[in-house]
Every structure is written in C-alpha cells, then in structure tokens.
Amino acid sequence: MKTIVTTGGRPNGESRALAEMAAQSLQYEYIDRKKRSIKRMQNEYDSAVLVAGHHRFELYRKEMEKPFFFHPNSAAFRLKRLLKGESDPLLEVSQLKAGDSFLDCTLGLASDSIIASFAVGEEGRVVGVEGDVDIAFIVKEGLKKFLASFEELQKAMAHVIVKQKDAITFLKNEPDNHWDVVYIDPMFNAPIDESANFTPLREVGLQGQLTGEWIEEAYRVCRRRVVIKDHFDSPVFHAFQFKQVIRPNTKFHFGYLSKR
C-alpha cells in the first residue's frame, strides 16, 4: 500500500514544513489535511497516512489499531538502571565495551541500539538496519529530534545511524569480520502481553523468519559474536546452534554464536 503525507489536525508553519520535508525525502505525495480525519483520508486515497505533528511523525496504516511513532521506549529506564550501576542483559551477552562496533539488523524502535550506543560510547559505532521505509524514516527523525529527559539518553540516541535496507542485502555488502557484534531481534512468533507499546511496531513492521542465509551472513561479518533475542521457547536457538542464555521468569531469551 502506498503512503501519503499530511499534517496534524491543527497545522502550523512548522508542521507543514515537516510534512513537506518528509514528502520530499520519501518521494511521497503531500496532501493538505483540510480538517479531514485520518480514516477518511485513508479511504479517499486508499493509502497509509504519515502525519507530521508538532513534535513527531505518526504513521497510520489501515490494519493498525494505533499509530506508529518514535519513542525511546524501554531504552530510557534501561539506561537509568545502567547509570545506577545495574546490568543489562543485552550488554552482558554482547560483551560490548567502549569503542566497539554494533550492527543491529532489526532496528525497530531502536531501543537496543540506543543501549548499545551508550555502551560503545562516542569512539564506537552503532548502525541500525530497518527494511520498512516508513519506520526507518520515523525512527531516524525521532532519534535526532526527540527531547530526552537526561543527557546520556540524548547522546546515545544521536549516535545511532539508521540505514534503510533489507538486512540480508545489507549484510551481503559488508566485508568479513567488519562488526564486533551483529544483533538480530526478529519479531516474536508469539505475542508477549506485557509489551503493549510494541504492538504498533508488530502491526507495521516487516516480520520475517530467520534463515540459514541470514545467520551465515551475520556470522561472516562479525568479529566476535552474533547475538539473537527471541521468545524463550523459540526453535531458533536449537536450529541455528545458538548458546541460549536462560533468564528465569522472563519471556524472551538471548543466544549467541561466538568466533572467539
């Protein structure tokens, strides 16, 4: 389905400028709102609608119950825990340190990339790959413009680079041993009730099963580890021989393949 761009219900000069920027960047048609509802515009133009509001972009697709928009999500409280000296399961399994490089093959809302960005610091490198054009645009803009409540979060978001491309295609164009850690978080096969703010992303995102080709390419380009996150009883861990890290009382687990 195509996507059109419009403004919020009460547009001003800023939101119109943002809408026109989005339309130009994505090569989408910009259409004046004219006080129409999103549902009406979806039906009139048989299209998804990307709305430029005063502070953020929102994506409305017909099958979605709620709009998709950027928010640092769980990254904010995870980062606060790290600042208190607590641990984070992603960083534990990834063994990330300052100066490392981290490739996130399934960017989504960028929560994990933000945590990785904090861990590797300004000397490190974090790239997130997102296959969905609209999600990639919204997250890229959000990482730059979202006003975080504390400095460490703002810096971590600003350091994440977004690439809009299919993950396997991206991996195939990367040199051998180019990334310290390659990370994959495929959409959960089974819904996880407590992840309510994940629902719009599940509805709009590109959902795909892991393949041998994907794992093979990820392993080729990593220097140290390929890390995966999936539902605790997912067959992926065994199928691809990942060492599963058991986390009691949690519904998702991490696994990894190491080169050293």
Protein backbone atom coordinates (compact mmCIF):
# COMPACT_ATOMS: atom_id res chain seq x y z
CA MET A 1 0.00 0.00 0.00
CA LYS A 2 1.23 3.50 -0.83
CA THR A 3 1.75 6.22 1.78
CA ILE A 4 0.72 9.87 1.61
CA VAL A 5 1.93 12.70 3.86
CA THR A 6 -0.21 15.28 5.62
CA THR A 7 -0.21 17.44 8.76
CA GLY A 8 -1.91 17.17 12.11
CA GLY A 9 -5.48 18.38 12.55
CA ARG A 10 -4.37 21.89 13.50
CA PRO A 11 -1.34 22.53 11.31
CA ASN A 12 1.05 25.41 11.70
CA GLY A 13 4.06 26.54 9.70
CA GLU A 14 6.36 24.09 11.45
CA SER A 15 4.19 21.03 10.85
CA ARG A 16 3.63 21.99 7.22
CA ALA A 17 7.38 22.34 6.72
CA LEU A 18 7.97 18.95 8.35
CA ALA A 19 5.31 17.33 6.17
CA GLU A 20 6.82 18.80 3.02
CA MET A 21 10.29 17.66 4.12
CA ALA A 22 9.02 14.11 4.69
CA ALA A 23 7.23 14.04 1.35
CA GLN A 24 10.34 15.20 -0.47
CA SER A 25 12.65 12.84 1.41
CA LEU A 26 10.43 9.79 0.86
CA GLN A 27 9.16 10.82 -2.58
CA TYR A 28 5.56 10.65 -1.32
CA GLU A 29 2.64 12.88 -2.24
CA TYR A 30 1.89 15.69 0.20
CA ILE A 31 -1.84 16.35 0.65
CA ASP A 32 -3.43 19.17 2.66
CA ARG A 33 -5.35 17.90 5.67
CA LYS A 34 -8.37 20.20 5.21
CA LYS A 35 -9.78 19.12 8.57
CA ARG A 36 -10.36 15.56 7.35
CA SER A 37 -9.99 12.60 9.69
CA ILE A 38 -7.17 10.14 9.13
CA LYS A 39 -9.69 7.38 8.43
CA ARG A 40 -11.36 9.48 5.76
CA MET A 41 -8.02 10.23 4.09
CA GLN A 42 -7.05 6.55 4.20
CA ASN A 43 -10.27 5.66 2.39
CA GLU A 44 -10.24 8.57 -0.06
CA TYR A 45 -6.68 7.92 -1.21
CA ASP A 46 -6.57 4.17 -0.50
CA SER A 47 -3.34 4.84 1.31
CA ALA A 48 -1.46 4.78 4.56
CA VAL A 49 -1.05 8.24 6.08
CA LEU A 50 2.14 9.71 7.52
CA VAL A 51 1.23 12.65 9.75
CA ALA A 52 3.65 15.44 10.61
CA GLY A 53 2.62 16.74 14.02
CA HIS A 54 4.15 19.47 16.14
CA HIS A 55 6.65 17.17 17.83
CA ARG A 56 6.72 13.87 15.93
CA PHE A 57 5.72 11.85 12.89
CA GLU A 58 2.92 9.30 13.18
CA LEU A 59 2.18 6.50 10.72
CA TYR A 60 -1.38 5.24 10.23
CA ARG A 61 -1.90 2.11 8.16
CA LYS A 62 -5.35 0.65 7.67
CA GLU A 63 -4.63 -2.55 9.57
CA MET A 64 -3.25 -0.72 12.61
CA GLU A 65 -5.29 -0.07 15.75
CA LYS A 66 -2.85 2.61 16.97
CA PRO A 67 -0.36 4.82 15.09
CA PHE A 68 3.32 4.06 14.99
CA PHE A 69 5.63 6.82 16.27
CA PHE A 70 9.09 7.05 17.74
CA HIS A 71 9.72 6.95 21.47
CA PRO A 72 12.88 5.69 23.21
CA ASN A 73 10.58 3.18 24.88
CA SER A 74 12.34 0.78 27.25
CA ALA A 75 15.76 2.32 26.46
CA ALA A 76 15.10 5.19 28.86
CA PHE A 77 14.60 3.13 32.00
CA ARG A 78 17.21 0.56 30.95
CA LEU A 79 19.74 3.36 30.62
CA LYS A 80 18.78 4.76 34.03
CA ARG A 81 19.46 1.33 35.52
CA LEU A 82 22.87 1.23 33.87
CA LEU A 83 23.69 4.66 35.28
CA LYS A 84 22.87 3.28 38.73
CA GLY A 85 25.42 0.52 38.20
CA GLU A 86 22.95 -2.22 37.32
CA SER A 87 23.42 -4.64 34.42
CA ASP A 88 21.59 -5.02 31.12
CA PRO A 89 21.07 -8.48 29.56
CA LEU A 90 21.88 -7.30 26.03
CA LEU A 91 25.20 -5.84 27.13
CA GLU A 92 26.02 -8.91 29.17
CA VAL A 93 25.52 -11.32 26.27
CA SER A 94 27.06 -8.97 23.69
CA GLN A 95 30.07 -8.18 25.88
CA LEU A 96 30.14 -4.69 24.40
CA LYS A 97 32.78 -2.24 25.53
CA ALA A 98 33.82 1.30 24.68
CA GLY A 99 34.98 1.66 21.09
CA ASP A 100 33.20 -1.44 19.78
CA SER A 101 31.05 -1.60 16.64
CA PHE A 102 27.46 -2.90 16.83
CA LEU A 103 25.23 -3.74 13.87
CA ASP A 104 21.53 -4.04 14.66
CA CYS A 105 19.89 -5.94 11.79
CA THR A 106 16.34 -5.36 13.08
CA LEU A 107 16.21 -1.76 14.26
CA GLY A 108 12.51 -1.34 15.05
CA LEU A 109 12.15 1.35 17.72
CA ALA A 110 15.93 1.35 18.23
CA SER A 111 15.75 0.56 21.97
CA ASP A 112 18.56 -1.99 21.83
CA SER A 113 20.66 0.19 19.53
CA ILE A 114 20.37 3.08 22.00
CA ILE A 115 21.64 0.86 24.82
CA ALA A 116 24.46 -0.39 22.60
CA SER A 117 25.29 3.20 21.67
CA PHE A 118 25.66 4.12 25.33
CA ALA A 119 27.93 1.12 25.90
CA VAL A 120 30.29 1.73 22.97
CA GLY A 121 30.47 5.48 23.53
CA GLU A 122 31.50 8.19 21.11
CA GLU A 123 34.51 6.18 19.94
CA GLY A 124 32.29 3.25 18.98
CA ARG A 125 29.89 2.77 16.11
CA VAL A 126 26.23 1.70 16.06
CA VAL A 127 24.24 1.16 12.87
CA GLY A 128 20.62 0.03 12.80
CA VAL A 129 19.17 -1.54 9.66
CA GLU A 130 15.43 -1.28 9.04
CA GLY A 131 13.69 -2.72 6.00
CA ASP A 132 10.43 -0.78 6.25
CA VAL A 133 10.84 2.62 4.57
CA ASP A 134 8.32 4.45 6.76
CA ILE A 135 9.63 3.03 10.04
CA ALA A 136 13.22 3.82 9.09
CA PHE A 137 12.28 7.44 8.36
CA ILE A 138 10.26 7.92 11.55
CA VAL A 139 12.92 6.37 13.77
CA LYS A 140 15.76 8.25 12.08
CA GLU A 141 13.97 11.56 12.61
CA GLY A 142 12.95 10.62 16.13
CA LEU A 143 16.47 9.75 17.19
CA LYS A 144 17.57 13.22 16.09
CA LYS A 145 14.66 15.27 17.39
CA PHE A 146 13.17 13.55 20.43
CA LEU A 147 13.82 15.66 23.54
CA ALA A 148 15.18 13.23 26.09
CA SER A 149 14.81 13.85 29.81
CA PHE A 150 18.52 13.29 30.53
CA GLU A 151 21.77 13.93 28.70
CA GLU A 152 23.06 10.36 28.46
CA LEU A 153 19.94 9.26 26.59
CA GLN A 154 20.14 12.23 24.21
CA LYS A 155 23.76 11.43 23.35
CA ALA A 156 23.10 7.72 22.92
CA MET A 157 20.20 8.38 20.52
CA ALA A 158 22.21 10.88 18.48
CA HIS A 159 24.99 8.34 17.94
CA VAL A 160 22.76 5.69 16.27
CA ILE A 161 22.97 5.66 12.46
CA VAL A 162 19.88 4.40 10.61
CA LYS A 163 20.14 2.55 7.29
CA GLN A 164 17.00 1.73 5.33
CA LYS A 165 17.65 -1.62 3.67
CA ASP A 166 16.76 -5.29 3.84
CA ALA A 167 19.02 -6.86 6.48
CA ILE A 168 20.37 -9.72 4.34
CA THR A 169 21.09 -7.37 1.44
CA PHE A 170 22.94 -5.05 3.81
CA LEU A 171 24.96 -7.91 5.30
CA LYS A 172 25.96 -9.24 1.88
CA ASN A 173 27.62 -5.92 1.10
CA GLU A 174 29.66 -5.82 4.31
CA PRO A 175 33.27 -7.09 4.49
CA ASP A 176 34.25 -10.15 6.53
CA ASN A 177 34.84 -9.53 10.26
CA HIS A 178 33.69 -5.93 9.96
CA TRP A 179 31.49 -5.64 13.09
CA ASP A 180 32.36 -6.65 16.64
CA VAL A 181 28.74 -7.68 17.32
CA VAL A 182 25.90 -8.38 14.91
CA TYR A 183 22.49 -8.35 16.58
CA ILE A 184 19.18 -9.82 15.38
CA ASP A 185 15.82 -9.43 17.11
CA PRO A 186 13.18 -10.96 14.83
CA MET A 187 9.55 -10.28 15.65
CA PHE A 188 8.40 -12.70 18.33
CA ASN A 189 6.50 -15.67 16.95
CA ALA A 190 4.17 -15.50 19.98
CA PRO A 191 2.77 -12.21 21.34
CA ILE A 192 4.16 -11.03 24.67
CA ASP A 193 1.38 -9.46 26.74
CA GLU A 194 3.46 -7.01 28.73
CA SER A 195 4.91 -5.42 25.59
CA ALA A 196 1.84 -3.32 24.80
CA ASN A 197 3.89 -0.45 23.37
CA PHE A 198 5.41 -2.95 20.95
CA THR A 199 2.04 -3.65 19.31
CA PRO A 200 2.07 -0.85 16.68
CA LEU A 201 5.54 -1.96 15.58
CA ARG A 202 4.40 -5.57 15.32
CA GLU A 203 1.49 -4.47 13.14
CA VAL A 204 3.55 -2.25 10.86
CA GLY A 205 6.98 -3.90 10.82
CA LEU A 206 8.49 -6.36 8.40
CA GLN A 207 8.09 -9.73 10.02
CA GLY A 208 10.33 -12.47 8.73
CA GLN A 209 11.70 -15.77 9.88
CA LEU A 210 15.39 -16.25 10.40
CA THR A 211 17.06 -18.22 7.64
CA GLY A 212 20.33 -20.03 7.34
CA GLU A 213 21.48 -17.42 4.85
CA TRP A 214 20.79 -14.62 7.34
CA ILE A 215 22.73 -16.32 10.12
CA GLU A 216 25.57 -17.28 7.78
CA GLU A 217 26.00 -13.70 6.57
CA ALA A 218 25.77 -12.29 10.09
CA TYR A 219 28.44 -14.72 11.29
CA ARG A 220 30.68 -13.86 8.34
CA VAL A 221 30.66 -10.11 9.04
CA CYS A 222 31.02 -10.32 12.83
CA ARG A 223 34.39 -10.26 14.59
CA ARG A 224 33.23 -11.63 17.93
CA ARG A 225 29.58 -12.55 18.25
CA VAL A 226 26.21 -12.86 16.59
CA VAL A 227 23.53 -12.21 19.22
CA ILE A 228 19.86 -13.04 18.87
CA LYS A 229 16.81 -12.30 21.03
CA ASP A 230 13.67 -14.42 20.75
CA HIS A 231 10.85 -15.98 22.74
CA PHE A 232 12.18 -18.34 25.40
CA ASP A 233 10.78 -21.45 23.69
CA SER A 234 11.64 -20.41 20.13
CA PRO A 235 13.10 -23.20 17.98
CA VAL A 236 15.64 -20.72 16.60
CA PHE A 237 18.19 -21.28 19.35
CA HIS A 238 18.48 -25.01 18.69
CA ALA A 239 18.01 -24.81 14.92
CA PHE A 240 20.98 -22.47 14.46
CA GLN A 241 23.06 -23.79 17.38
CA PHE A 242 22.99 -20.58 19.42
CA LYS A 243 24.07 -20.86 23.03
CA GLN A 244 20.87 -19.86 24.82
CA VAL A 245 21.20 -17.67 27.89
CA ILE A 246 18.45 -18.75 30.27
CA ARG A 247 16.78 -15.86 32.07
CA PRO A 248 14.35 -17.14 34.74
CA ASN A 249 10.90 -15.54 34.83
CA THR A 250 11.34 -13.76 31.50
CA LYS A 251 9.55 -14.48 28.25
CA PHE A 252 12.46 -13.71 25.96
CA HIS A 253 15.97 -15.05 25.98
CA PHE A 254 19.22 -14.16 24.26
CA GLY A 255 21.50 -16.51 22.42
CA TYR A 256 24.87 -16.11 20.77
CA LEU A 257 27.37 -17.60 18.35
CA SER A 258 30.99 -16.75 19.13
CA LYS A 259 34.05 -16.60 16.92
CA ARG A 260 36.32 -16.19 19.93
